[in-house]
Amino acid sequence: MEFLKNDEEVQDELEALQAILESDFNYTVNEDNIICKLNIKPTDAITNLKTNLFISLIIVLSSNYPEEACMCTIEKAQGLSISSNNKNDNVNIKINKLEDELNKVSKTCAEGQLVAIFEIHTVATEWLTDEASKQVAIQEQEQIDKDIATSIVQEELKEMALQAKMNKKELHEEKKKFDKLYQDAMNKWTHGEPIIDRKSTFQAHVAIIHSVEEGKELMRYLCTDNKIARATHNIWALRIVQPNGVVMSDNDDDGETAAGGRLMHLLDMMKVENALCVVSRWYGGILLGPARFKHINNVARKELEKYGFGGGNNSKNSAKKKKGKS
């Protein structure tokens, strides 16, 4: 290929990459372009990663490279973490964002008429190493949580056995009673569809209650769920209408300033009766500004409407009939 023979800088780049990366880099010279295949792996500093994490890039060099930007495409990605129910969409979003970032690097290099593949390799490796670090941190935290939970359960069971001098049958019966109480409490909750915006996730949970004390007890049960307990904020508001017409209400921001009051206002506007609404937010690292309040209200409103609240269709009977999970 003539342009490769005449461009020592490009040829030097390709030969250097082959020498350094060995089997992780190869290229094919065609009549009007060069097709490069580049495998990206996390740096050796990452250890104890359970998944096999790597990315395979296809980089196309035109005859005008490096004056013309090369084109990067992610051919294969393995082991990327996910954080939503729609696994394929979540991974595709990550891949598309990385592709965009790598092609921006290519264009920046082309503006300076510089070869780009080394820079692309560096950026992609840093990105994948960061992804691997997050996965290792999650693995370690999950193991810590598991060890703590196991230790607590073992200590509680041991103390129960010593204090009550229960035999195995009695202990089994007590555990069954506790499990039933827990399941009955969790069955009172319904859970709405999450909204995801710039990596932040919002989800509403609603339960029918008859006293402030019952509401706060159900909150404690809800927060035993690992995912909900790890939410950045669990904003809540409750509204109870007593038989004499007196309204009892309460709310909490859980660190999301003014969110509890806004949620309480929504319950008042929808004329909610005898219900507790919790909105969990998992912060994704990007500030959303006022949009976060819109998402909190939207997920809450949609879940409350399932009970017949709001829109002039407030129905106690509808609320009473709603018991299964949504």
C-alpha atoms as a PDB file:
ATOM      1  CA  MET A   1       0.000   0.000   0.000  1.00  0.00           C
ATOM      2  CA  GLU A   2       1.633   3.167  -1.271  1.00  0.00           C
ATOM      3  CA  PHE A   3       0.573   5.608   1.481  1.00  0.00           C
ATOM      4  CA  LEU A   4       1.897   3.229   4.153  1.00  0.00           C
ATOM      5  CA  LYS A   5       5.257   2.886   2.384  1.00  0.00           C
ATOM      6  CA  ASN A   6       5.595   6.646   2.063  1.00  0.00           C
ATOM      7  CA  ASP A   7       4.455   7.586   5.584  1.00  0.00           C
ATOM      8  CA  GLU A   8       7.178   6.563   8.016  1.00  0.00           C
ATOM      9  CA  GLU A   9       5.296   8.027  10.997  1.00  0.00           C
ATOM     10  CA  VAL A  10       2.271   5.757  10.420  1.00  0.00           C
ATOM     11  CA  GLN A  11       4.459   2.747   9.730  1.00  0.00           C
ATOM     12  CA  ASP A  12       6.504   3.404  12.876  1.00  0.00           C
ATOM     13  CA  GLU A  13       3.287   3.676  14.923  1.00  0.00           C
ATOM     14  CA  LEU A  14       1.952   0.341  13.659  1.00  0.00           C
ATOM     15  CA  GLU A  15       5.253  -1.476  14.138  1.00  0.00           C
ATOM     16  CA  ALA A  16       5.693  -0.045  17.655  1.00  0.00           C
ATOM     17  CA  LEU A  17       2.176  -1.131  18.639  1.00  0.00           C
ATOM     18  CA  GLN A  18       2.827  -4.648  17.384  1.00  0.00           C
ATOM     19  CA  ALA A  19       6.099  -4.838  19.299  1.00  0.00           C
ATOM     20  CA  ILE A  20       4.593  -3.560  22.577  1.00  0.00           C
ATOM     21  CA  LEU A  21       1.128  -5.156  22.519  1.00  0.00           C
ATOM     22  CA  GLU A  22       2.047  -8.329  20.621  1.00  0.00           C
ATOM     23  CA  SER A  23      -1.095 -10.452  20.094  1.00  0.00           C
ATOM     24  CA  ASP A  24      -3.351  -7.660  21.374  1.00  0.00           C
ATOM     25  CA  PHE A  25      -2.714  -5.630  18.207  1.00  0.00           C
ATOM     26  CA  ASN A  26      -2.697  -6.567  14.538  1.00  0.00           C
ATOM     27  CA  TYR A  27      -3.514  -4.823  11.280  1.00  0.00           C
ATOM     28  CA  THR A  28      -4.392  -5.629   7.683  1.00  0.00           C
ATOM     29  CA  VAL A  29      -3.324  -3.423   4.786  1.00  0.00           C
ATOM     30  CA  ASN A  30      -5.989  -3.069   2.081  1.00  0.00           C
ATOM     31  CA  GLU A  31      -6.070  -1.173  -1.188  1.00  0.00           C
ATOM     32  CA  ASP A  32      -7.597   2.012   0.243  1.00  0.00           C
ATOM     33  CA  ASN A  33      -7.300   1.639   4.025  1.00  0.00           C
ATOM     34  CA  ILE A  34      -5.727  -0.164   6.965  1.00  0.00           C
ATOM     35  CA  ILE A  35      -7.914  -2.191   9.349  1.00  0.00           C
ATOM     36  CA  CYS A  36      -6.466  -2.428  12.863  1.00  0.00           C
ATOM     37  CA  LYS A  37      -7.718  -4.684  15.654  1.00  0.00           C
ATOM     38  CA  LEU A  38      -6.830  -3.559  19.183  1.00  0.00           C
ATOM     39  CA  ASN A  39      -7.657  -5.532  22.339  1.00  0.00           C
ATOM     40  CA  ILE A  40      -8.017  -3.477  25.536  1.00  0.00           C
ATOM     41  CA  LYS A  41      -7.560  -4.971  29.007  1.00  0.00           C
ATOM     42  CA  PRO A  42      -7.428  -3.401  32.494  1.00  0.00           C
ATOM     43  CA  THR A  43      -3.953  -2.602  33.814  1.00  0.00           C
ATOM     44  CA  ASP A  44      -2.083  -5.184  35.895  1.00  0.00           C
ATOM     45  CA  ALA A  45      -2.829  -3.104  39.013  1.00  0.00           C
ATOM     46  CA  ILE A  46      -6.361  -4.575  39.044  1.00  0.00           C
ATOM     47  CA  THR A  47      -6.463  -7.887  40.900  1.00  0.00           C
ATOM     48  CA  ASN A  48      -9.203 -10.157  42.280  1.00  0.00           C
ATOM     49  CA  LEU A  49     -11.596  -9.303  39.446  1.00  0.00           C
ATOM     50  CA  LYS A  50     -13.937 -12.267  39.052  1.00  0.00           C
ATOM     51  CA  THR A  51     -15.091 -11.460  35.506  1.00  0.00           C
ATOM     52  CA  ASN A  52     -13.016 -11.587  32.317  1.00  0.00           C
ATOM     53  CA  LEU A  53     -13.141  -7.909  31.334  1.00  0.00           C
ATOM     54  CA  PHE A  54     -11.925  -6.738  27.921  1.00  0.00           C
ATOM     55  CA  ILE A  55     -12.868  -4.654  24.871  1.00  0.00           C
ATOM     56  CA  SER A  56     -11.985  -5.327  21.238  1.00  0.00           C
ATOM     57  CA  LEU A  57     -11.653  -2.238  18.994  1.00  0.00           C
ATOM     58  CA  ILE A  58     -11.676  -1.987  15.213  1.00  0.00           C
ATOM     59  CA  ILE A  59      -9.777   1.107  14.006  1.00  0.00           C
ATOM     60  CA  VAL A  60      -9.933   2.094  10.324  1.00  0.00           C
ATOM     61  CA  LEU A  61      -7.126   4.280   8.896  1.00  0.00           C
ATOM     62  CA  SER A  62      -7.830   6.026   5.600  1.00  0.00           C
ATOM     63  CA  SER A  63      -5.182   6.916   3.030  1.00  0.00           C
ATOM     64  CA  ASN A  64      -5.129  10.474   4.469  1.00  0.00           C
ATOM     65  CA  TYR A  65      -4.352   9.346   8.039  1.00  0.00           C
ATOM     66  CA  PRO A  66      -3.121  10.999  10.285  1.00  0.00           C
ATOM     67  CA  GLU A  67      -4.403  14.223   8.641  1.00  0.00           C
ATOM     68  CA  GLU A  68      -7.837  12.550   8.515  1.00  0.00           C
ATOM     69  CA  ALA A  69      -9.218  11.104  11.756  1.00  0.00           C
ATOM     70  CA  CYS A  70      -9.320   7.322  12.058  1.00  0.00           C
ATOM     71  CA  MET A  71     -12.675   5.688  12.866  1.00  0.00           C
ATOM     72  CA  CYS A  72     -13.071   3.623  16.065  1.00  0.00           C
ATOM     73  CA  THR A  73     -15.727   0.949  16.584  1.00  0.00           C
ATOM     74  CA  ILE A  74     -16.130  -1.368  19.580  1.00  0.00           C
ATOM     75  CA  GLU A  75     -16.419  -4.823  18.022  1.00  0.00           C
ATOM     76  CA  LYS A  76     -16.821  -6.757  21.270  1.00  0.00           C
ATOM     77  CA  ALA A  77     -17.156  -5.954  24.986  1.00  0.00           C
ATOM     78  CA  GLN A  78     -17.135  -8.581  27.711  1.00  0.00           C
ATOM     79  CA  GLY A  79     -17.733  -8.302  31.457  1.00  0.00           C
ATOM     80  CA  LEU A  80     -19.127  -4.743  31.600  1.00  0.00           C
ATOM     81  CA  SER A  81     -21.225  -4.174  34.732  1.00  0.00           C
ATOM     82  CA  ILE A  82     -24.935  -3.322  34.590  1.00  0.00           C
ATOM     83  CA  SER A  83     -27.202  -1.412  36.945  1.00  0.00           C
ATOM     84  CA  SER A  84     -30.721  -1.585  35.557  1.00  0.00           C
ATOM     85  CA  ASN A  85     -33.315  -4.182  34.684  1.00  0.00           C
ATOM     86  CA  ASN A  86     -32.741  -3.620  30.953  1.00  0.00           C
ATOM     87  CA  LYS A  87     -29.285  -5.159  30.766  1.00  0.00           C
ATOM     88  CA  ASN A  88     -28.671  -4.808  27.010  1.00  0.00           C
ATOM     89  CA  ASP A  89     -29.663  -1.133  26.919  1.00  0.00           C
ATOM     90  CA  ASN A  90     -27.395  -0.329  29.841  1.00  0.00           C
ATOM     91  CA  VAL A  91     -24.320  -1.991  28.289  1.00  0.00           C
ATOM     92  CA  ASN A  92     -25.060  -0.441  24.885  1.00  0.00           C
ATOM     93  CA  ILE A  93     -25.162   3.024  26.446  1.00  0.00           C
ATOM     94  CA  LYS A  94     -21.723   2.468  27.990  1.00  0.00           C
ATOM     95  CA  ILE A  95     -20.314   1.184  24.679  1.00  0.00           C
ATOM     96  CA  ASN A  96     -21.745   4.091  22.684  1.00  0.00           C
ATOM     97  CA  LYS A  97     -20.356   6.671  25.118  1.00  0.00           C
ATOM     98  CA  LEU A  98     -16.893   5.102  25.011  1.00  0.00           C
ATOM     99  CA  GLU A  99     -16.969   4.987  21.198  1.00  0.00           C
ATOM    100  CA  ASP A 100     -17.859   8.684  21.101  1.00  0.00           C
ATOM    101  CA  GLU A 101     -15.013   9.499  23.487  1.00  0.00           C
ATOM    102  CA  LEU A 102     -12.462   7.518  21.445  1.00  0.00           C
ATOM    103  CA  ASN A 103     -13.551   9.137  18.169  1.00  0.00           C
ATOM    104  CA  LYS A 104     -13.205  12.572  19.814  1.00  0.00           C
ATOM    105  CA  VAL A 105      -9.606  11.625  20.702  1.00  0.00           C
ATOM    106  CA  SER A 106      -9.058  10.612  17.066  1.00  0.00           C
ATOM    107  CA  LYS A 107     -10.409  13.950  15.766  1.00  0.00           C
ATOM    108  CA  THR A 108      -8.269  15.926  18.225  1.00  0.00           C
ATOM    109  CA  CYS A 109      -5.146  14.103  17.038  1.00  0.00           C
ATOM    110  CA  ALA A 110      -6.099  14.670  13.386  1.00  0.00           C
ATOM    111  CA  GLU A 111      -6.386  18.411  13.991  1.00  0.00           C
ATOM    112  CA  GLY A 112      -2.731  18.374  14.983  1.00  0.00           C
ATOM    113  CA  GLN A 113      -1.850  15.835  12.253  1.00  0.00           C
ATOM    114  CA  LEU A 114      -0.725  13.388  14.948  1.00  0.00           C
ATOM    115  CA  VAL A 115      -0.996   9.603  14.943  1.00  0.00           C
ATOM    116  CA  ALA A 116      -3.807   8.570  17.271  1.00  0.00           C
ATOM    117  CA  ILE A 117      -3.744   4.850  18.060  1.00  0.00           C
ATOM    118  CA  PHE A 118      -1.436   5.093  21.090  1.00  0.00           C
ATOM    119  CA  GLU A 119      -3.644   7.840  22.556  1.00  0.00           C
ATOM    120  CA  ILE A 120      -6.778   5.772  21.812  1.00  0.00           C
ATOM    121  CA  HIS A 121      -5.193   2.782  23.561  1.00  0.00           C
ATOM    122  CA  THR A 122      -4.337   4.916  26.611  1.00  0.00           C
ATOM    123  CA  VAL A 123      -7.835   6.427  26.952  1.00  0.00           C
ATOM    124  CA  ALA A 124      -9.576   3.076  26.447  1.00  0.00           C
ATOM    125  CA  THR A 125      -7.285   1.332  28.942  1.00  0.00           C
ATOM    126  CA  GLU A 126      -7.907   4.028  31.583  1.00  0.00           C
ATOM    127  CA  TRP A 127     -11.669   3.751  31.008  1.00  0.00           C
ATOM    128  CA  LEU A 128     -11.644  -0.047  31.305  1.00  0.00           C
ATOM    129  CA  THR A 129      -9.366   0.054  34.362  1.00  0.00           C
ATOM    130  CA  ASP A 130     -11.807   2.447  36.041  1.00  0.00           C
ATOM    131  CA  GLU A 131     -14.672   0.065  35.181  1.00  0.00           C
ATOM    132  CA  ALA A 132     -12.672  -2.829  36.647  1.00  0.00           C
ATOM    133  CA  SER A 133     -11.937  -0.850  39.834  1.00  0.00           C
ATOM    134  CA  LYS A 134     -15.660  -0.219  40.316  1.00  0.00           C
ATOM    135  CA  GLN A 135     -16.434  -3.911  39.869  1.00  0.00           C
ATOM    136  CA  VAL A 136     -13.755  -4.909  42.391  1.00  0.00           C
ATOM    137  CA  ALA A 137     -15.140  -2.376  44.887  1.00  0.00           C
ATOM    138  CA  ILE A 138     -18.655  -3.785  44.419  1.00  0.00           C
ATOM    139  CA  GLN A 139     -17.377  -7.350  44.871  1.00  0.00           C
ATOM    140  CA  GLU A 140     -15.542  -6.402  48.047  1.00  0.00           C
ATOM    141  CA  GLN A 141     -18.536  -4.514  49.471  1.00  0.00           C
ATOM    142  CA  GLU A 142     -20.868  -7.421  48.690  1.00  0.00           C
ATOM    143  CA  GLN A 143     -18.527  -9.802  50.503  1.00  0.00           C
ATOM    144  CA  ILE A 144     -18.322  -7.435  53.495  1.00  0.00           C
ATOM    145  CA  ASP A 145     -22.123  -7.136  53.589  1.00  0.00           C
ATOM    146  CA  LYS A 146     -22.471 -10.892  53.333  1.00  0.00           C
ATOM    147  CA  ASP A 147     -19.974 -11.482  56.155  1.00  0.00           C
ATOM    148  CA  ILE A 148     -21.665  -8.887  58.391  1.00  0.00           C
ATOM    149  CA  ALA A 149     -25.131 -10.280  57.703  1.00  0.00           C
ATOM    150  CA  THR A 150     -23.948 -13.826  58.370  1.00  0.00           C
ATOM    151  CA  SER A 151     -22.301 -12.757  61.620  1.00  0.00           C
ATOM    152  CA  ILE A 152     -25.403 -10.878  62.814  1.00  0.00           C
ATOM    153  CA  VAL A 153     -27.719 -13.777  62.018  1.00  0.00           C
ATOM    154  CA  GLN A 154     -25.432 -16.260  63.736  1.00  0.00           C
ATOM    155  CA  GLU A 155     -25.158 -14.106  66.882  1.00  0.00           C
ATOM    156  CA  GLU A 156     -28.908 -13.512  67.029  1.00  0.00           C
ATOM    157  CA  LEU A 157     -29.696 -17.185  66.613  1.00  0.00           C
ATOM    158  CA  LYS A 158     -27.131 -18.117  69.237  1.00  0.00           C
ATOM    159  CA  GLU A 159     -28.485 -15.562  71.739  1.00  0.00           C
ATOM    160  CA  MET A 160     -32.065 -16.660  71.125  1.00  0.00           C
ATOM    161  CA  ALA A 161     -31.133 -20.271  71.714  1.00  0.00           C
ATOM    162  CA  LEU A 162     -29.234 -19.491  74.940  1.00  0.00           C
ATOM    163  CA  GLN A 163     -31.778 -17.106  76.453  1.00  0.00           C
ATOM    164  CA  ALA A 164     -34.911 -19.099  75.709  1.00  0.00           C
ATOM    165  CA  LYS A 165     -33.260 -22.532  75.881  1.00  0.00           C
ATOM    166  CA  MET A 166     -35.156 -23.487  72.797  1.00  0.00           C
ATOM    167  CA  ASN A 167     -34.785 -26.838  71.155  1.00  0.00           C
ATOM    168  CA  LYS A 168     -34.396 -27.051  67.399  1.00  0.00           C
ATOM    169  CA  LYS A 169     -38.113 -27.437  66.768  1.00  0.00           C
ATOM    170  CA  GLU A 170     -39.032 -24.360  68.841  1.00  0.00           C
ATOM    171  CA  LEU A 171     -36.331 -22.292  67.151  1.00  0.00           C
ATOM    172  CA  HIS A 172     -37.620 -23.356  63.744  1.00  0.00           C
ATOM    173  CA  GLU A 173     -41.149 -22.329  64.684  1.00  0.00           C
ATOM    174  CA  GLU A 174     -39.982 -18.918  65.929  1.00  0.00           C
ATOM    175  CA  LYS A 175     -38.099 -18.332  62.700  1.00  0.00           C
ATOM    176  CA  LYS A 176     -41.194 -19.222  60.677  1.00  0.00           C
ATOM    177  CA  LYS A 177     -43.227 -16.696  62.668  1.00  0.00           C
ATOM    178  CA  PHE A 178     -40.650 -13.986  62.098  1.00  0.00           C
ATOM    179  CA  ASP A 179     -40.439 -14.776  58.377  1.00  0.00           C
ATOM    180  CA  LYS A 180     -44.222 -14.524  58.101  1.00  0.00           C
ATOM    181  CA  LEU A 181     -44.272 -11.140  59.867  1.00  0.00           C
ATOM    182  CA  TYR A 182     -41.509  -9.901  57.573  1.00  0.00           C
ATOM    183  CA  GLN A 183     -43.222 -11.204  54.428  1.00  0.00           C
ATOM    184  CA  ASP A 184     -46.591  -9.746  55.465  1.00  0.00           C
ATOM    185  CA  ALA A 185     -44.951  -6.349  55.970  1.00  0.00           C
ATOM    186  CA  MET A 186     -43.108  -6.444  52.633  1.00  0.00           C
ATOM    187  CA  ASN A 187     -46.275  -7.549  50.790  1.00  0.00           C
ATOM    188  CA  LYS A 188     -47.922  -4.270  51.824  1.00  0.00           C
ATOM    189  CA  TRP A 189     -45.531  -2.394  49.558  1.00  0.00           C
ATOM    190  CA  THR A 190     -45.891  -1.864  45.836  1.00  0.00           C
ATOM    191  CA  HIS A 191     -42.960  -0.711  43.718  1.00  0.00           C
ATOM    192  CA  GLY A 192     -43.206   1.517  40.663  1.00  0.00           C
ATOM    193  CA  GLU A 193     -41.235   1.475  37.422  1.00  0.00           C
ATOM    194  CA  PRO A 194     -37.893   3.288  37.796  1.00  0.00           C
ATOM    195  CA  ILE A 195     -36.923   6.428  35.875  1.00  0.00           C
ATOM    196  CA  ILE A 196     -33.262   6.787  34.847  1.00  0.00           C
ATOM    197  CA  ASP A 197     -31.750  10.176  33.971  1.00  0.00           C
ATOM    198  CA  ARG A 198     -28.002  10.724  33.507  1.00  0.00           C
ATOM    199  CA  LYS A 199     -27.149   7.641  35.573  1.00  0.00           C
ATOM    200  CA  SER A 200     -29.436   8.635  38.482  1.00  0.00           C
ATOM    201  CA  THR A 201     -32.327   6.221  39.146  1.00  0.00           C
ATOM    202  CA  PHE A 202     -35.630   7.124  40.821  1.00  0.00           C
ATOM    203  CA  GLN A 203     -38.227   4.585  42.055  1.00  0.00           C
ATOM    204  CA  ALA A 204     -41.392   4.997  44.138  1.00  0.00           C
ATOM    205  CA  HIS A 205     -42.748   2.597  46.794  1.00  0.00           C
ATOM    206  CA  VAL A 206     -46.243   2.926  48.296  1.00  0.00           C
ATOM    207  CA  ALA A 207     -48.018   1.251  51.231  1.00  0.00           C
ATOM    208  CA  ILE A 208     -51.475   1.716  52.749  1.00  0.00           C
ATOM    209  CA  ILE A 209     -51.234   2.547  56.478  1.00  0.00           C
ATOM    210  CA  HIS A 210     -53.550   3.495  59.343  1.00  0.00           C
ATOM    211  CA  SER A 211     -51.166   5.208  61.749  1.00  0.00           C
ATOM    212  CA  VAL A 212     -47.870   7.087  61.756  1.00  0.00           C
ATOM    213  CA  GLU A 213     -46.328   4.295  63.833  1.00  0.00           C
ATOM    214  CA  GLU A 214     -47.370   1.650  61.294  1.00  0.00           C
ATOM    215  CA  GLY A 215     -45.858   3.740  58.519  1.00  0.00           C
ATOM    216  CA  LYS A 216     -42.493   4.083  60.229  1.00  0.00           C
ATOM    217  CA  GLU A 217     -42.429   0.365  61.055  1.00  0.00           C
ATOM    218  CA  LEU A 218     -43.089  -0.496  57.398  1.00  0.00           C
ATOM    219  CA  MET A 219     -40.270   1.908  56.445  1.00  0.00           C
ATOM    220  CA  ARG A 220     -37.870  -0.082  58.636  1.00  0.00           C
ATOM    221  CA  TYR A 221     -38.882  -3.315  56.905  1.00  0.00           C
ATOM    222  CA  LEU A 222     -38.534  -1.698  53.459  1.00  0.00           C
ATOM    223  CA  CYS A 223     -34.993  -0.541  54.218  1.00  0.00           C
ATOM    224  CA  THR A 224     -33.895  -4.102  55.015  1.00  0.00           C
ATOM    225  CA  ASP A 225     -33.902  -4.622  51.249  1.00  0.00           C
ATOM    226  CA  ASN A 226     -30.223  -4.314  50.243  1.00  0.00           C
ATOM    227  CA  LYS A 227     -30.879  -2.317  47.077  1.00  0.00           C
ATOM    228  CA  ILE A 228     -33.193   0.194  48.775  1.00  0.00           C
ATOM    229  CA  ALA A 229     -30.904   0.458  51.812  1.00  0.00           C
ATOM    230  CA  ARG A 230     -28.046   1.458  49.476  1.00  0.00           C
ATOM    231  CA  ALA A 231     -30.032   4.260  47.822  1.00  0.00           C
ATOM    232  CA  THR A 232     -28.389   7.671  48.180  1.00  0.00           C
ATOM    233  CA  HIS A 233     -31.698   9.094  49.428  1.00  0.00           C
ATOM    234  CA  ASN A 234     -34.961   7.491  50.588  1.00  0.00           C
ATOM    235  CA  ILE A 235     -37.346  10.461  50.605  1.00  0.00           C
ATOM    236  CA  TRP A 236     -40.717   9.812  52.219  1.00  0.00           C
ATOM    237  CA  ALA A 237     -44.039  11.407  53.086  1.00  0.00           C
ATOM    238  CA  LEU A 238     -47.185  10.046  54.706  1.00  0.00           C
ATOM    239  CA  ARG A 239     -50.713  11.371  54.986  1.00  0.00           C
ATOM    240  CA  ILE A 240     -53.432   9.948  57.255  1.00  0.00           C
ATOM    241  CA  VAL A 241     -57.038  11.172  57.399  1.00  0.00           C
ATOM    242  CA  GLN A 242     -58.688  10.248  60.701  1.00  0.00           C
ATOM    243  CA  PRO A 243     -62.434   9.435  60.964  1.00  0.00           C
ATOM    244  CA  ASN A 244     -63.071  12.924  62.389  1.00  0.00           C
ATOM    245  CA  GLY A 245     -61.446  14.494  59.312  1.00  0.00           C
ATOM    246  CA  VAL A 246     -58.207  15.532  61.027  1.00  0.00           C
ATOM    247  CA  VAL A 247     -55.193  15.086  58.736  1.00  0.00           C
ATOM    248  CA  MET A 248     -51.932  13.738  60.155  1.00  0.00           C
ATOM    249  CA  SER A 249     -48.828  14.058  57.992  1.00  0.00           C
ATOM    250  CA  ASP A 250     -45.062  13.738  58.182  1.00  0.00           C
ATOM    251  CA  ASN A 251     -42.115  13.687  55.766  1.00  0.00           C
ATOM    252  CA  ASP A 252     -38.335  13.470  55.565  1.00  0.00           C
ATOM    253  CA  ASP A 253     -35.761  14.629  52.970  1.00  0.00           C
ATOM    254  CA  ASP A 254     -33.137  11.971  53.858  1.00  0.00           C
ATOM    255  CA  GLY A 255     -30.463  14.415  52.699  1.00  0.00           C
ATOM    256  CA  GLU A 256     -32.186  15.533  49.459  1.00  0.00           C
ATOM    257  CA  THR A 257     -32.899  19.124  50.515  1.00  0.00           C
ATOM    258  CA  ALA A 258     -36.574  20.162  50.201  1.00  0.00           C
ATOM    259  CA  ALA A 259     -37.563  16.860  48.553  1.00  0.00           C
ATOM    260  CA  GLY A 260     -39.640  15.649  51.522  1.00  0.00           C
ATOM    261  CA  GLY A 261     -41.708  18.823  51.619  1.00  0.00           C
ATOM    262  CA  ARG A 262     -42.320  18.703  47.862  1.00  0.00           C
ATOM    263  CA  LEU A 263     -43.416  15.074  48.106  1.00  0.00           C
ATOM    264  CA  MET A 264     -45.728  16.010  50.984  1.00  0.00           C
ATOM    265  CA  HIS A 265     -47.227  18.770  48.838  1.00  0.00           C
ATOM    266  CA  LEU A 266     -47.919  16.203  46.094  1.00  0.00           C
ATOM    267  CA  LEU A 267     -49.775  13.946  48.585  1.00  0.00           C
ATOM    268  CA  ASP A 268     -51.851  16.949  49.711  1.00  0.00           C
ATOM    269  CA  MET A 269     -52.662  17.932  46.111  1.00  0.00           C
ATOM    270  CA  MET A 270     -53.706  14.356  45.269  1.00  0.00           C
ATOM    271  CA  LYS A 271     -55.793  14.156  48.479  1.00  0.00           C
ATOM    272  CA  VAL A 272     -54.009  10.950  49.474  1.00  0.00           C
ATOM    273  CA  GLU A 273     -55.626   9.155  52.404  1.00  0.00           C
ATOM    274  CA  ASN A 274     -53.877   6.657  54.692  1.00  0.00           C
ATOM    275  CA  ALA A 275     -50.805   6.042  52.566  1.00  0.00           C
ATOM    276  CA  LEU A 276     -47.029   6.250  52.828  1.00  0.00           C
ATOM    277  CA  CYS A 277     -44.937   7.047  49.755  1.00  0.00           C
ATOM    278  CA  VAL A 278     -41.164   6.536  49.583  1.00  0.00           C
ATOM    279  CA  VAL A 279     -39.017   7.634  46.626  1.00  0.00           C
ATOM    280  CA  SER A 280     -35.563   6.069  46.406  1.00  0.00           C
ATOM    281  CA  ARG A 281     -32.841   7.854  44.473  1.00  0.00           C
ATOM    282  CA  TRP A 282     -29.577   6.211  43.479  1.00  0.00           C
ATOM    283  CA  TYR A 283     -27.234   9.095  42.570  1.00  0.00           C
ATOM    284  CA  GLY A 284     -25.287   8.511  39.356  1.00  0.00           C
ATOM    285  CA  GLY A 285     -22.560  11.116  39.791  1.00  0.00           C
ATOM    286  CA  ILE A 286     -24.117  13.866  37.640  1.00  0.00           C
ATOM    287  CA  LEU A 287     -26.007  16.787  39.218  1.00  0.00           C
ATOM    288  CA  LEU A 288     -29.547  17.026  37.801  1.00  0.00           C
ATOM    289  CA  GLY A 289     -30.612  20.344  39.314  1.00  0.00           C
ATOM    290  CA  PRO A 290     -34.399  20.968  39.479  1.00  0.00           C
ATOM    291  CA  ALA A 291     -35.017  17.941  37.206  1.00  0.00           C
ATOM    292  CA  ARG A 292     -34.558  15.674  40.219  1.00  0.00           C
ATOM    293  CA  PHE A 293     -37.711  17.064  41.838  1.00  0.00           C
ATOM    294  CA  LYS A 294     -39.674  16.462  38.638  1.00  0.00           C
ATOM    295  CA  HIS A 295     -38.570  12.803  38.598  1.00  0.00           C
ATOM    296  CA  ILE A 296     -39.372  12.362  42.305  1.00  0.00           C
ATOM    297  CA  ASN A 297     -42.894  13.713  41.767  1.00  0.00           C
ATOM    298  CA  ASN A 298     -43.450  11.752  38.539  1.00  0.00           C
ATOM    299  CA  VAL A 299     -42.574   8.317  39.955  1.00  0.00           C
ATOM    300  CA  ALA A 300     -44.573   9.047  43.124  1.00  0.00           C
ATOM    301  CA  ARG A 301     -47.630  10.267  41.219  1.00  0.00           C
ATOM    302  CA  LYS A 302     -47.676   7.235  38.904  1.00  0.00           C
ATOM    303  CA  GLU A 303     -47.556   4.781  41.793  1.00  0.00           C
ATOM    304  CA  LEU A 304     -50.163   6.675  43.862  1.00  0.00           C
ATOM    305  CA  GLU A 305     -52.505   6.786  40.873  1.00  0.00           C
ATOM    306  CA  LYS A 306     -52.570   2.984  40.913  1.00  0.00           C
ATOM    307  CA  TYR A 307     -54.391   3.285  44.243  1.00  0.00           C
ATOM    308  CA  GLY A 308     -56.972   5.642  42.814  1.00  0.00           C
ATOM    309  CA  PHE A 309     -55.453   8.819  44.272  1.00  0.00           C
ATOM    310  CA  GLY A 310     -55.282  12.043  42.258  1.00  0.00           C
ATOM    311  CA  GLY A 311     -57.136  13.422  39.275  1.00  0.00           C
ATOM    312  CA  GLY A 312     -60.430  13.635  41.154  1.00  0.00           C
ATOM    313  CA  ASN A 313     -60.646   9.809  41.254  1.00  0.00           C
ATOM    314  CA  ASN A 314     -59.595   9.293  44.887  1.00  0.00           C
ATOM    315  CA  SER A 315     -61.019   5.933  45.950  1.00  0.00           C
ATOM    316  CA  LYS A 316     -60.603   4.338  49.358  1.00  0.00           C
ATOM    317  CA  ASN A 317     -61.977   1.076  48.009  1.00  0.00           C
ATOM    318  CA  SER A 318     -59.377   1.069  45.259  1.00  0.00           C
ATOM    319  CA  ALA A 319     -56.648   1.622  47.854  1.00  0.00           C
ATOM    320  CA  LYS A 320     -57.932  -1.188  50.044  1.00  0.00           C
ATOM    321  CA  LYS A 321     -58.046  -3.635  47.170  1.00  0.00           C
ATOM    322  CA  LYS A 322     -54.484  -2.855  46.085  1.00  0.00           C
ATOM    323  CA  LYS A 323     -52.297  -5.355  47.980  1.00  0.00           C
ATOM    324  CA  GLY A 324     -50.062  -7.188  45.504  1.00  0.00           C
ATOM    325  CA  LYS A 325     -46.745  -5.900  44.183  1.00  0.00           C
ATOM    326  CA  SER A 326     -46.902  -3.757  41.067  1.00  0.00           C
END
